[in-house]
Protein backbone atom coordinates (compact mmCIF):
# COMPACT_ATOMS: atom_id res chain seq x y z
CA MET A 1 -11.04 5.86 74.72
CA ALA A 2 -13.24 8.35 76.57
CA SER A 3 -11.91 11.18 74.39
CA ARG A 4 -12.66 9.21 71.18
CA PRO A 5 -15.92 7.32 71.81
CA TRP A 6 -16.36 6.45 68.13
CA LEU A 7 -13.49 3.94 68.35
CA LYS A 8 -15.79 1.42 70.04
CA ASN A 9 -17.69 1.20 66.72
CA TYR A 10 -14.58 0.36 64.68
CA GLU A 11 -14.18 -3.17 63.38
CA PRO A 12 -11.27 -5.00 65.06
CA HIS A 13 -9.09 -4.77 61.93
CA VAL A 14 -9.53 -0.98 61.60
CA PRO A 15 -6.69 0.98 63.22
CA ALA A 16 -7.48 3.83 65.59
CA GLY A 17 -5.09 6.08 63.68
CA ILE A 18 -2.83 6.12 60.65
CA GLN A 19 0.56 7.57 59.88
CA TYR A 20 0.61 10.16 57.12
CA PRO A 21 3.69 10.60 54.92
CA ASP A 22 5.49 13.90 55.18
CA LYS A 23 4.21 15.27 51.85
CA THR A 24 2.26 18.28 50.72
CA ILE A 25 -1.05 17.94 48.86
CA PRO A 26 0.60 19.09 45.60
CA GLN A 27 3.22 16.35 46.07
CA PHE A 28 0.46 13.76 46.56
CA LEU A 29 -1.24 14.91 43.35
CA SER A 30 1.98 14.98 41.35
CA ASP A 31 3.03 11.53 42.59
CA THR A 32 -0.38 10.03 41.84
CA GLN A 33 -0.48 11.66 38.42
CA GLY A 34 2.96 10.21 37.70
CA LYS A 35 1.93 6.68 38.72
CA HIS A 36 -1.67 6.62 37.47
CA PRO A 37 -2.24 9.44 34.95
CA ARG A 38 -5.29 7.82 33.36
CA TYR A 39 -7.07 6.88 36.59
CA ILE A 40 -10.20 8.87 37.41
CA ALA A 41 -9.45 11.48 40.07
CA CYS A 42 -13.00 12.79 40.35
CA THR A 43 -16.37 12.79 38.66
CA PHE A 44 -18.63 15.84 38.62
CA ASN A 45 -21.90 16.09 36.68
CA ASP A 46 -21.08 12.77 35.03
CA ILE A 47 -17.78 14.16 33.69
CA ASP A 48 -14.67 12.18 34.64
CA THR A 49 -11.38 13.94 35.24
CA THR A 50 -8.17 11.92 35.24
CA TYR A 51 -5.24 12.65 37.52
CA GLU A 52 -3.32 13.88 34.51
CA GLU A 53 -6.08 16.35 33.64
CA LEU A 54 -6.54 17.41 37.25
CA ASN A 55 -2.83 18.03 37.70
CA GLY A 56 -2.84 20.16 34.54
CA LYS A 57 -5.82 22.19 35.76
CA VAL A 58 -4.30 22.70 39.20
CA ASN A 59 -0.99 23.81 37.70
CA GLY A 60 -2.80 26.11 35.26
CA MET A 61 -4.66 27.75 38.13
CA ALA A 62 -1.45 28.12 40.13
CA HIS A 63 0.28 29.78 37.17
CA ALA A 64 -2.69 32.13 36.65
CA LEU A 65 -2.58 33.14 40.33
CA ARG A 66 1.17 33.73 40.12
CA LYS A 67 0.63 35.90 37.06
CA LEU A 68 -1.98 37.98 38.94
CA GLU A 69 0.40 38.32 41.87
CA ASN A 70 3.03 39.82 39.54
CA ILE A 71 0.53 42.30 38.07
CA THR A 72 -0.38 43.96 41.37
C-alpha cells in the first residue's frame, strides 16, 4: 500500500485494480458501435455524437491517412 497511498481513500467496494480485456481501442469502439450505435459517445460544444457517427468519423480519418500514406 505504501507504493499506492491513494488506495486508503477508496470505498470498501471499490477494487484496487481491474482486469482489462485483450482488445485494441478500435475494437472497443467497433464493438460498442455494434451494440449501442445510437448511444451518445461524446458531447462537444453542445453537439452530441453517437457511437455510430464517431466510428464513421474515425474510419474516415483512418482512410484519409492511408490515402496520404500511398501518395508519398
